[in-house]
Amino acid sequence: MNKQELIDAVASQSGTSKTAAEEAINAVLETISKTVAAGDTVQLIGFGSFGTGERAARTGRNPQTGETIEIAAAKTVKFTAGKSFKDAVNQA
Protein backbone atom coordinates (compact mmCIF):
# COMPACT_ATOMS: atom_id res chain seq x y z
CA MET A 1 0.00 0.00 0.00
CA ASN A 2 1.38 3.38 -0.94
CA LYS A 3 0.48 6.76 0.56
CA GLN A 4 -2.37 7.47 -1.87
CA GLU A 5 -3.92 4.07 -1.20
CA LEU A 6 -3.63 4.77 2.54
CA ILE A 7 -5.39 8.11 2.08
CA ASP A 8 -8.19 6.42 0.11
CA ALA A 9 -8.61 3.72 2.76
CA VAL A 10 -8.68 6.20 5.65
CA ALA A 11 -11.17 8.41 3.81
CA SER A 12 -13.53 5.51 3.13
CA GLN A 13 -13.25 4.06 6.66
CA SER A 14 -13.77 7.38 8.41
CA GLY A 15 -16.39 8.72 6.01
CA THR A 16 -14.42 11.92 5.36
CA SER A 17 -13.18 13.46 2.14
CA LYS A 18 -9.89 12.39 0.62
CA THR A 19 -8.58 15.92 1.13
CA ALA A 20 -9.34 15.85 4.85
CA ALA A 21 -7.82 12.37 5.19
CA GLU A 22 -4.67 13.48 3.35
CA GLU A 23 -4.31 16.55 5.60
CA ALA A 24 -4.70 14.41 8.72
CA ILE A 25 -2.20 11.77 7.56
CA ASN A 26 0.33 14.43 6.53
CA ALA A 27 -0.05 16.16 9.90
CA VAL A 28 0.50 12.88 11.79
CA LEU A 29 3.57 11.95 9.73
CA GLU A 30 5.07 15.44 10.04
CA THR A 31 4.52 15.49 13.80
CA ILE A 32 6.11 12.05 14.23
CA SER A 33 9.07 13.08 12.04
CA LYS A 34 9.70 16.34 13.92
CA THR A 35 9.35 14.69 17.33
CA VAL A 36 11.74 11.83 16.54
CA ALA A 37 14.22 14.22 14.87
CA ALA A 38 14.24 16.24 18.11
CA GLY A 39 15.31 13.10 19.99
CA ASP A 40 11.97 12.28 21.62
CA THR A 41 9.95 9.07 21.35
CA VAL A 42 6.44 8.78 19.92
CA GLN A 43 4.51 5.94 21.56
CA LEU A 44 1.18 4.82 20.16
CA ILE A 45 -0.24 2.29 22.61
CA GLY A 46 -1.16 -0.94 20.83
CA PHE A 47 0.56 0.08 17.58
CA GLY A 48 4.18 0.75 18.46
CA SER A 49 6.78 3.37 19.20
CA PHE A 50 9.11 5.46 17.07
CA GLY A 51 12.46 6.55 18.45
CA THR A 52 16.10 7.09 17.65
CA GLY A 53 19.08 4.80 17.97
CA GLU A 54 22.80 5.11 17.54
CA ARG A 55 24.97 3.28 15.05
CA ALA A 56 28.64 3.18 16.04
CA ALA A 57 31.45 4.09 13.68
CA ARG A 58 32.90 1.06 11.95
CA THR A 59 35.29 -0.07 9.28
CA GLY A 60 33.78 -1.16 5.98
CA ARG A 61 35.03 -2.24 2.58
CA ASN A 62 34.47 -0.68 -0.81
CA PRO A 63 33.04 -3.57 -2.89
CA GLN A 64 34.49 -2.24 -6.14
CA THR A 65 38.09 -1.78 -5.01
CA GLY A 66 38.33 -3.86 -1.86
CA GLU A 67 39.76 -0.82 -0.08
CA THR A 68 38.86 -0.42 3.59
CA ILE A 69 36.96 2.71 4.52
CA GLU A 70 35.79 4.27 7.75
CA ILE A 71 32.01 4.55 8.09
CA ALA A 72 31.00 7.39 10.41
CA ALA A 73 28.69 6.99 13.39
CA ALA A 74 25.06 7.85 12.64
CA LYS A 75 21.67 8.22 14.24
CA THR A 76 19.00 5.80 13.10
CA VAL A 77 15.22 5.66 13.35
CA LYS A 78 13.78 2.71 15.26
CA PHE A 79 10.24 1.37 15.21
CA THR A 80 9.18 -1.16 17.79
CA ALA A 81 5.82 -2.82 17.13
CA GLY A 82 3.32 -2.96 19.98
CA LYS A 83 1.73 -6.15 21.26
CA SER A 84 -1.65 -5.62 19.56
CA PHE A 85 0.05 -4.92 16.23
CA LYS A 86 2.27 -8.00 16.54
CA ASP A 87 -0.74 -10.15 17.45
CA ALA A 88 -2.71 -8.85 14.45
CA VAL A 89 0.17 -9.63 12.08
CA ASN A 90 0.64 -13.12 13.52
CA GLN A 91 -3.05 -13.97 13.14
CA ALA A 92 -3.03 -13.21 9.43
PDB file of N, CA and C in Angstrom:
ATOM      1  N   MET A   1       0.852  -1.173   0.000  1.00  0.00           N
ATOM      2  CA  MET A   1       0.000   0.000   0.000  1.00  0.00           C
ATOM      3  C   MET A   1       0.896   1.233   0.000  1.00  0.00           C
ATOM      4  N   ASN A   2       0.627   2.133  -0.920  1.00  0.00           N
ATOM      5  CA  ASN A   2       1.378   3.382  -0.943  1.00  0.00           C
ATOM      6  C   ASN A   2       0.583   4.480  -0.232  1.00  0.00           C
ATOM      7  N   LYS A   3       1.109   5.684  -0.208  1.00  0.00           N
ATOM      8  CA  LYS A   3       0.482   6.761   0.557  1.00  0.00           C
ATOM      9  C   LYS A   3      -0.911   7.094   0.023  1.00  0.00           C
ATOM     10  N   GLN A   4      -1.065   7.138  -1.300  1.00  0.00           N
ATOM     11  CA  GLN A   4      -2.366   7.471  -1.872  1.00  0.00           C
ATOM     12  C   GLN A   4      -3.405   6.405  -1.543  1.00  0.00           C
ATOM     13  N   GLU A   5      -3.005   5.153  -1.575  1.00  0.00           N
ATOM     14  CA  GLU A   5      -3.921   4.067  -1.204  1.00  0.00           C
ATOM     15  C   GLU A   5      -4.297   4.164   0.278  1.00  0.00           C
ATOM     16  N   LEU A   6      -3.348   4.570   1.121  1.00  0.00           N
ATOM     17  CA  LEU A   6      -3.634   4.770   2.537  1.00  0.00           C
ATOM     18  C   LEU A   6      -4.643   5.901   2.721  1.00  0.00           C
ATOM     19  N   ILE A   7      -4.459   6.980   2.005  1.00  0.00           N
ATOM     20  CA  ILE A   7      -5.393   8.107   2.078  1.00  0.00           C
ATOM     21  C   ILE A   7      -6.789   7.665   1.665  1.00  0.00           C
ATOM     22  N   ASP A   8      -6.892   6.925   0.572  1.00  0.00           N
ATOM     23  CA  ASP A   8      -8.192   6.422   0.106  1.00  0.00           C
ATOM     24  C   ASP A   8      -8.846   5.526   1.154  1.00  0.00           C
ATOM     25  N   ALA A   9      -8.064   4.644   1.760  1.00  0.00           N
ATOM     26  CA  ALA A   9      -8.605   3.715   2.761  1.00  0.00           C
ATOM     27  C   ALA A   9      -9.078   4.459   4.006  1.00  0.00           C
ATOM     28  N   VAL A  10      -8.296   5.428   4.469  1.00  0.00           N
ATOM     29  CA  VAL A  10      -8.682   6.195   5.647  1.00  0.00           C
ATOM     30  C   VAL A  10      -9.935   7.020   5.354  1.00  0.00           C
ATOM     31  N   ALA A  11     -10.003   7.608   4.176  1.00  0.00           N
ATOM     32  CA  ALA A  11     -11.174   8.407   3.811  1.00  0.00           C
ATOM     33  C   ALA A  11     -12.430   7.548   3.778  1.00  0.00           C
ATOM     34  N   SER A  12     -12.337   6.357   3.216  1.00  0.00           N
ATOM     35  CA  SER A  12     -13.528   5.510   3.131  1.00  0.00           C
ATOM     36  C   SER A  12     -13.912   4.941   4.500  1.00  0.00           C
ATOM     37  N   GLN A  13     -12.941   4.598   5.330  1.00  0.00           N
ATOM     38  CA  GLN A  13     -13.254   4.064   6.663  1.00  0.00           C
ATOM     39  C   GLN A  13     -13.813   5.117   7.598  1.00  0.00           C
ATOM     40  N   SER A  14     -13.317   6.337   7.487  1.00  0.00           N
ATOM     41  CA  SER A  14     -13.766   7.379   8.406  1.00  0.00           C
ATOM     42  C   SER A  14     -14.951   8.173   7.872  1.00  0.00           C
ATOM     43  N   GLY A  15     -15.263   8.000   6.596  1.00  0.00           N
ATOM     44  CA  GLY A  15     -16.386   8.722   6.005  1.00  0.00           C
ATOM     45  C   GLY A  15     -16.083  10.188   5.758  1.00  0.00           C
ATOM     46  N   THR A  16     -14.804  10.542   5.642  1.00  0.00           N
ATOM     47  CA  THR A  16     -14.421  11.925   5.360  1.00  0.00           C
ATOM     48  C   THR A  16     -13.945  12.027   3.919  1.00  0.00           C
ATOM     49  N   SER A  17     -13.680  13.249   3.496  1.00  0.00           N
ATOM     50  CA  SER A  17     -13.182  13.457   2.138  1.00  0.00           C
ATOM     51  C   SER A  17     -11.725  13.021   2.047  1.00  0.00           C
ATOM     52  N   LYS A  18     -11.293  12.773   0.828  1.00  0.00           N
ATOM     53  CA  LYS A  18      -9.892  12.385   0.622  1.00  0.00           C
ATOM     54  C   LYS A  18      -8.960  13.530   1.001  1.00  0.00           C
ATOM     55  N   THR A  19      -9.394  14.758   0.780  1.00  0.00           N
ATOM     56  CA  THR A  19      -8.577  15.924   1.129  1.00  0.00           C
ATOM     57  C   THR A  19      -8.369  16.007   2.641  1.00  0.00           C
ATOM     58  N   ALA A  20      -9.448  15.799   3.395  1.00  0.00           N
ATOM     59  CA  ALA A  20      -9.344  15.846   4.853  1.00  0.00           C
ATOM     60  C   ALA A  20      -8.478  14.700   5.369  1.00  0.00           C
ATOM     61  N   ALA A  21      -8.628  13.519   4.784  1.00  0.00           N
ATOM     62  CA  ALA A  21      -7.820  12.370   5.191  1.00  0.00           C
ATOM     63  C   ALA A  21      -6.345  12.619   4.886  1.00  0.00           C
ATOM     64  N   GLU A  22      -6.062  13.202   3.724  1.00  0.00           N
ATOM     65  CA  GLU A  22      -4.673  13.480   3.353  1.00  0.00           C
ATOM     66  C   GLU A  22      -4.056  14.498   4.312  1.00  0.00           C
ATOM     67  N   GLU A  23      -4.813  15.549   4.667  1.00  0.00           N
ATOM     68  CA  GLU A  23      -4.306  16.553   5.600  1.00  0.00           C
ATOM     69  C   GLU A  23      -4.014  15.932   6.964  1.00  0.00           C
ATOM     70  N   ALA A  24      -4.895  15.058   7.419  1.00  0.00           N
ATOM     71  CA  ALA A  24      -4.699  14.412   8.720  1.00  0.00           C
ATOM     72  C   ALA A  24      -3.478  13.494   8.700  1.00  0.00           C
ATOM     73  N   ILE A  25      -3.346  12.691   7.661  1.00  0.00           N
ATOM     74  CA  ILE A  25      -2.205  11.772   7.556  1.00  0.00           C
ATOM     75  C   ILE A  25      -0.902  12.558   7.463  1.00  0.00           C
ATOM     76  N   ASN A  26      -0.882  13.608   6.650  1.00  0.00           N
ATOM     77  CA  ASN A  26       0.327  14.428   6.529  1.00  0.00           C
ATOM     78  C   ASN A  26       0.686  15.079   7.858  1.00  0.00           C
ATOM     79  N   ALA A  27      -0.311  15.537   8.609  1.00  0.00           N
ATOM     80  CA  ALA A  27      -0.048  16.158   9.904  1.00  0.00           C
ATOM     81  C   ALA A  27       0.533  15.150  10.888  1.00  0.00           C
ATOM     82  N   VAL A  28      -0.008  13.930  10.892  1.00  0.00           N
ATOM     83  CA  VAL A  28       0.501  12.885  11.788  1.00  0.00           C
ATOM     84  C   VAL A  28       1.943  12.532  11.430  1.00  0.00           C
ATOM     85  N   LEU A  29       2.216  12.320  10.155  1.00  0.00           N
ATOM     86  CA  LEU A  29       3.570  11.951   9.727  1.00  0.00           C
ATOM     87  C   LEU A  29       4.573  13.073  10.009  1.00  0.00           C
ATOM     88  N   GLU A  30       4.177  14.310   9.780  1.00  0.00           N
ATOM     89  CA  GLU A  30       5.066  15.442  10.036  1.00  0.00           C
ATOM     90  C   GLU A  30       5.356  15.579  11.531  1.00  0.00           C
ATOM     91  N   THR A  31       4.337  15.396  12.348  1.00  0.00           N
ATOM     92  CA  THR A  31       4.520  15.491  13.798  1.00  0.00           C
ATOM     93  C   THR A  31       5.436  14.387  14.307  1.00  0.00           C
ATOM     94  N   ILE A  32       5.241  13.160  13.829  1.00  0.00           N
ATOM     95  CA  ILE A  32       6.113  12.052  14.229  1.00  0.00           C
ATOM     96  C   ILE A  32       7.541  12.336  13.793  1.00  0.00           C
ATOM     97  N   SER A  33       7.728  12.789  12.554  1.00  0.00           N
ATOM     98  CA  SER A  33       9.072  13.077  12.038  1.00  0.00           C
ATOM     99  C   SER A  33       9.781  14.141  12.861  1.00  0.00           C
ATOM    100  N   LYS A  34       9.089  15.247  13.153  1.00  0.00           N
ATOM    101  CA  LYS A  34       9.700  16.340  13.922  1.00  0.00           C
ATOM    102  C   LYS A  34      10.036  15.898  15.350  1.00  0.00           C
ATOM    103  N   THR A  35       9.143  15.134  15.953  1.00  0.00           N
ATOM    104  CA  THR A  35       9.355  14.693  17.328  1.00  0.00           C
ATOM    105  C   THR A  35      10.547  13.753  17.430  1.00  0.00           C
ATOM    106  N   VAL A  36      10.632  12.781  16.523  1.00  0.00           N
ATOM    107  CA  VAL A  36      11.741  11.828  16.542  1.00  0.00           C
ATOM    108  C   VAL A  36      13.050  12.536  16.184  1.00  0.00           C
ATOM    109  N   ALA A  37      13.011  13.473  15.237  1.00  0.00           N
ATOM    110  CA  ALA A  37      14.219  14.223  14.874  1.00  0.00           C
ATOM    111  C   ALA A  37      14.733  15.045  16.054  1.00  0.00           C
ATOM    112  N   ALA A  38      13.830  15.472  16.930  1.00  0.00           N
ATOM    113  CA  ALA A  38      14.236  16.237  18.109  1.00  0.00           C
ATOM    114  C   ALA A  38      14.780  15.344  19.219  1.00  0.00           C
ATOM    115  N   GLY A  39      14.740  14.028  19.009  1.00  0.00           N
ATOM    116  CA  GLY A  39      15.308  13.100  19.990  1.00  0.00           C
ATOM    117  C   GLY A  39      14.293  12.497  20.938  1.00  0.00           C
ATOM    118  N   ASP A  40      13.016  12.825  20.759  1.00  0.00           N
ATOM    119  CA  ASP A  40      11.972  12.276  21.621  1.00  0.00           C
ATOM    120  C   ASP A  40      11.389  11.012  21.008  1.00  0.00           C
ATOM    121  N   THR A  41      10.592  10.302  21.802  1.00  0.00           N
ATOM    122  CA  THR A  41       9.945   9.072  21.354  1.00  0.00           C
ATOM    123  C   THR A  41       8.457   9.325  21.177  1.00  0.00           C
ATOM    124  N   VAL A  42       7.881   8.724  20.133  1.00  0.00           N
ATOM    125  CA  VAL A  42       6.437   8.778  19.923  1.00  0.00           C
ATOM    126  C   VAL A  42       5.907   7.384  20.189  1.00  0.00           C
ATOM    127  N   GLN A  43       5.045   7.257  21.188  1.00  0.00           N
ATOM    128  CA  GLN A  43       4.514   5.944  21.565  1.00  0.00           C
ATOM    129  C   GLN A  43       3.012   5.932  21.313  1.00  0.00           C
ATOM    130  N   LEU A  44       2.581   5.006  20.468  1.00  0.00           N
ATOM    131  CA  LEU A  44       1.178   4.819  20.162  1.00  0.00           C
ATOM    132  C   LEU A  44       0.777   3.471  20.748  1.00  0.00           C
ATOM    133  N   ILE A  45       0.099   3.506  21.880  1.00  0.00           N
ATOM    134  CA  ILE A  45      -0.245   2.287  22.607  1.00  0.00           C
ATOM    135  C   ILE A  45      -0.993   1.325  21.683  1.00  0.00           C
ATOM    136  N   GLY A  46      -0.539   0.091  21.652  1.00  0.00           N
ATOM    137  CA  GLY A  46      -1.156  -0.939  20.825  1.00  0.00           C
ATOM    138  C   GLY A  46      -0.579  -1.024  19.427  1.00  0.00           C
ATOM    139  N   PHE A  47      -0.010   0.090  18.932  1.00  0.00           N
ATOM    140  CA  PHE A  47       0.562   0.083  17.583  1.00  0.00           C
ATOM    141  C   PHE A  47       2.072  -0.062  17.638  1.00  0.00           C
ATOM    142  N   GLY A  48       2.734   0.827  18.354  1.00  0.00           N
ATOM    143  CA  GLY A  48       4.183   0.752  18.460  1.00  0.00           C
ATOM    144  C   GLY A  48       4.780   2.075  18.849  1.00  0.00           C
ATOM    145  N   SER A  49       6.107   2.133  18.846  1.00  0.00           N
ATOM    146  CA  SER A  49       6.780   3.371  19.203  1.00  0.00           C
ATOM    147  C   SER A  49       7.900   3.665  18.207  1.00  0.00           C
ATOM    148  N   PHE A  50       8.064   4.959  17.948  1.00  0.00           N
ATOM    149  CA  PHE A  50       9.109   5.459  17.069  1.00  0.00           C
ATOM    150  C   PHE A  50      10.134   6.158  17.936  1.00  0.00           C
ATOM    151  N   GLY A  51      11.403   5.918  17.674  1.00  0.00           N
ATOM    152  CA  GLY A  51      12.459   6.551  18.447  1.00  0.00           C
ATOM    153  C   GLY A  51      13.746   6.591  17.652  1.00  0.00           C
ATOM    154  N   THR A  52      14.803   7.029  18.311  1.00  0.00           N
ATOM    155  CA  THR A  52      16.102   7.091  17.649  1.00  0.00           C
ATOM    156  C   THR A  52      17.050   6.086  18.269  1.00  0.00           C
ATOM    157  N   GLY A  53      18.028   5.700  17.510  1.00  0.00           N
ATOM    158  CA  GLY A  53      19.079   4.802  17.969  1.00  0.00           C
ATOM    159  C   GLY A  53      20.418   5.328  17.489  1.00  0.00           C
ATOM    160  N   GLU A  54      21.452   4.713  17.929  1.00  0.00           N
ATOM    161  CA  GLU A  54      22.805   5.113  17.540  1.00  0.00           C
ATOM    162  C   GLU A  54      23.492   3.959  16.818  1.00  0.00           C
ATOM    163  N   ARG A  55      24.155   4.273  15.741  1.00  0.00           N
ATOM    164  CA  ARG A  55      24.965   3.281  15.045  1.00  0.00           C
ATOM    165  C   ARG A  55      26.425   3.716  15.215  1.00  0.00           C
ATOM    166  N   ALA A  56      27.239   2.851  15.764  1.00  0.00           N
ATOM    167  CA  ALA A  56      28.636   3.179  16.037  1.00  0.00           C
ATOM    168  C   ALA A  56      29.435   3.281  14.744  1.00  0.00           C
ATOM    169  N   ALA A  57      30.522   4.015  14.806  1.00  0.00           N
ATOM    170  CA  ALA A  57      31.449   4.092  13.678  1.00  0.00           C
ATOM    171  C   ALA A  57      32.066   2.714  13.472  1.00  0.00           C
ATOM    172  N   ARG A  58      32.344   2.385  12.239  1.00  0.00           N
ATOM    173  CA  ARG A  58      32.900   1.062  11.951  1.00  0.00           C
ATOM    174  C   ARG A  58      33.749   1.115  10.685  1.00  0.00           C
ATOM    175  N   THR A  59      34.481   0.047  10.472  1.00  0.00           N
ATOM    176  CA  THR A  59      35.295  -0.072   9.281  1.00  0.00           C
ATOM    177  C   THR A  59      34.546  -0.923   8.272  1.00  0.00           C
ATOM    178  N   GLY A  60      34.449  -0.422   7.042  1.00  0.00           N
ATOM    179  CA  GLY A  60      33.782  -1.158   5.977  1.00  0.00           C
ATOM    180  C   GLY A  60      34.740  -1.409   4.834  1.00  0.00           C
ATOM    181  N   ARG A  61      34.192  -1.926   3.744  1.00  0.00           N
ATOM    182  CA  ARG A  61      35.025  -2.240   2.584  1.00  0.00           C
ATOM    183  C   ARG A  61      34.300  -1.784   1.330  1.00  0.00           C
ATOM    184  N   ASN A  62      35.018  -1.087   0.465  1.00  0.00           N
ATOM    185  CA  ASN A  62      34.467  -0.682  -0.815  1.00  0.00           C
ATOM    186  C   ASN A  62      34.376  -1.928  -1.693  1.00  0.00           C
ATOM    187  N   PRO A  63      33.173  -2.336  -2.119  1.00  0.00           N
ATOM    188  CA  PRO A  63      33.045  -3.575  -2.886  1.00  0.00           C
ATOM    189  C   PRO A  63      33.699  -3.531  -4.268  1.00  0.00           C
ATOM    190  N   GLN A  64      33.879  -2.334  -4.825  1.00  0.00           N
ATOM    191  CA  GLN A  64      34.494  -2.244  -6.144  1.00  0.00           C
ATOM    192  C   GLN A  64      36.006  -2.385  -6.098  1.00  0.00           C
ATOM    193  N   THR A  65      36.629  -1.788  -5.065  1.00  0.00           N
ATOM    194  CA  THR A  65      38.091  -1.779  -5.012  1.00  0.00           C
ATOM    195  C   THR A  65      38.661  -2.686  -3.926  1.00  0.00           C
ATOM    196  N   GLY A  66      37.846  -3.056  -2.969  1.00  0.00           N
ATOM    197  CA  GLY A  66      38.328  -3.859  -1.857  1.00  0.00           C
ATOM    198  C   GLY A  66      39.014  -3.024  -0.789  1.00  0.00           C
ATOM    199  N   GLU A  67      39.097  -1.726  -1.003  1.00  0.00           N
ATOM    200  CA  GLU A  67      39.761  -0.817  -0.078  1.00  0.00           C
ATOM    201  C   GLU A  67      38.924  -0.661   1.193  1.00  0.00           C
ATOM    202  N   THR A  68      39.591  -0.621   2.337  1.00  0.00           N
ATOM    203  CA  THR A  68      38.861  -0.421   3.594  1.00  0.00           C
ATOM    204  C   THR A  68      38.559   1.057   3.765  1.00  0.00           C
ATOM    205  N   ILE A  69      37.377   1.332   4.292  1.00  0.00           N
ATOM    206  CA  ILE A  69      36.963   2.710   4.518  1.00  0.00           C
ATOM    207  C   ILE A  69      36.361   2.823   5.918  1.00  0.00           C
ATOM    208  N   GLU A  70      36.392   4.019   6.454  1.00  0.00           N
ATOM    209  CA  GLU A  70      35.789   4.275   7.752  1.00  0.00           C
ATOM    210  C   GLU A  70      34.371   4.781   7.530  1.00  0.00           C
ATOM    211  N   ILE A  71      33.409   4.139   8.169  1.00  0.00           N
ATOM    212  CA  ILE A  71      32.013   4.551   8.092  1.00  0.00           C
ATOM    213  C   ILE A  71      31.704   5.296   9.386  1.00  0.00           C
ATOM    214  N   ALA A  72      31.237   6.533   9.252  1.00  0.00           N
ATOM    215  CA  ALA A  72      31.000   7.395  10.410  1.00  0.00           C
ATOM    216  C   ALA A  72      29.823   6.896  11.247  1.00  0.00           C
ATOM    217  N   ALA A  73      29.817   7.292  12.506  1.00  0.00           N
ATOM    218  CA  ALA A  73      28.688   6.994  13.386  1.00  0.00           C
ATOM    219  C   ALA A  73      27.466   7.756  12.867  1.00  0.00           C
ATOM    220  N   ALA A  74      26.279   7.222  13.128  1.00  0.00           N
ATOM    221  CA  ALA A  74      25.060   7.854  12.637  1.00  0.00           C
ATOM    222  C   ALA A  74      23.902   7.579  13.578  1.00  0.00           C
ATOM    223  N   LYS A  75      22.915   8.460  13.526  1.00  0.00           N
ATOM    224  CA  LYS A  75      21.668   8.225  14.237  1.00  0.00           C
ATOM    225  C   LYS A  75      20.753   7.428  13.309  1.00  0.00           C
ATOM    226  N   THR A  76      19.943   6.572  13.890  1.00  0.00           N
ATOM    227  CA  THR A  76      18.998   5.795  13.097  1.00  0.00           C
ATOM    228  C   THR A  76      17.598   5.967  13.673  1.00  0.00           C
ATOM    229  N   VAL A  77      16.607   5.625  12.885  1.00  0.00           N
ATOM    230  CA  VAL A  77      15.222   5.655  13.348  1.00  0.00           C
ATOM    231  C   VAL A  77      14.820   4.221  13.664  1.00  0.00           C
ATOM    232  N   LYS A  78      14.215   4.040  14.840  1.00  0.00           N
ATOM    233  CA  LYS A  78      13.775   2.708  15.256  1.00  0.00           C
ATOM    234  C   LYS A  78      12.259   2.695  15.358  1.00  0.00           C
ATOM    235  N   PHE A  79      11.659   1.590  14.968  1.00  0.00           N
ATOM    236  CA  PHE A  79      10.237   1.370  15.213  1.00  0.00           C
ATOM    237  C   PHE A  79      10.118   0.038  15.930  1.00  0.00           C
ATOM    238  N   THR A  80       9.426   0.054  17.052  1.00  0.00           N
ATOM    239  CA  THR A  80       9.175  -1.165  17.793  1.00  0.00           C
ATOM    240  C   THR A  80       7.676  -1.396  17.789  1.00  0.00           C
ATOM    241  N   ALA A  81       7.248  -2.522  17.224  1.00  0.00           N
ATOM    242  CA  ALA A  81       5.823  -2.823  17.128  1.00  0.00           C
ATOM    243  C   ALA A  81       5.250  -3.142  18.498  1.00  0.00           C
ATOM    244  N   GLY A  82       4.015  -2.681  18.734  1.00  0.00           N
ATOM    245  CA  GLY A  82       3.315  -2.958  19.976  1.00  0.00           C
ATOM    246  C   GLY A  82       2.701  -4.346  19.968  1.00  0.00           C
ATOM    247  N   LYS A  83       2.275  -4.801  21.118  1.00  0.00           N
ATOM    248  CA  LYS A  83       1.729  -6.148  21.256  1.00  0.00           C
ATOM    249  C   LYS A  83       0.497  -6.380  20.382  1.00  0.00           C
ATOM    250  N   SER A  84      -0.438  -5.453  20.373  1.00  0.00           N
ATOM    251  CA  SER A  84      -1.653  -5.616  19.564  1.00  0.00           C
ATOM    252  C   SER A  84      -1.316  -5.716  18.076  1.00  0.00           C
ATOM    253  N   PHE A  85      -0.365  -4.897  17.632  1.00  0.00           N
ATOM    254  CA  PHE A  85       0.051  -4.915  16.231  1.00  0.00           C
ATOM    255  C   PHE A  85       0.715  -6.249  15.891  1.00  0.00           C
ATOM    256  N   LYS A  86       1.604  -6.712  16.762  1.00  0.00           N
ATOM    257  CA  LYS A  86       2.266  -8.004  16.537  1.00  0.00           C
ATOM    258  C   LYS A  86       1.245  -9.136  16.488  1.00  0.00           C
ATOM    259  N   ASP A  87       0.289  -9.112  17.420  1.00  0.00           N
ATOM    260  CA  ASP A  87      -0.742 -10.146  17.447  1.00  0.00           C
ATOM    261  C   ASP A  87      -1.573 -10.149  16.183  1.00  0.00           C
ATOM    262  N   ALA A  88      -1.925  -8.962  15.682  1.00  0.00           N
ATOM    263  CA  ALA A  88      -2.714  -8.853  14.451  1.00  0.00           C
ATOM    264  C   ALA A  88      -1.950  -9.405  13.255  1.00  0.00           C
ATOM    265  N   VAL A  89      -0.653  -9.132  13.195  1.00  0.00           N
ATOM    266  CA  VAL A  89       0.169  -9.631  12.082  1.00  0.00           C
ATOM    267  C   VAL A  89       0.300 -11.153  12.169  1.00  0.00           C
ATOM    268  N   ASN A  90       0.462 -11.671  13.362  1.00  0.00           N
ATOM    269  CA  ASN A  90       0.638 -13.119  13.523  1.00  0.00           C
ATOM    270  C   ASN A  90      -0.627 -13.914  13.299  1.00  0.00           C
ATOM    271  N   GLN A  91      -1.804 -13.274  13.408  1.00  0.00           N
ATOM    272  CA  GLN A  91      -3.054 -13.965  13.145  1.00  0.00           C
ATOM    273  C   GLN A  91      -3.341 -14.093  11.669  1.00  0.00           C
ATOM    274  N   ALA A  92      -2.770 -13.221  10.872  1.00  0.00           N
ATOM    275  CA  ALA A  92      -3.026 -13.214   9.426  1.00  0.00           C
ATOM    276  C   ALA A  92      -2.439 -14.407   8.736  1.00  0.00           C
TER     277      ALA A  92
END
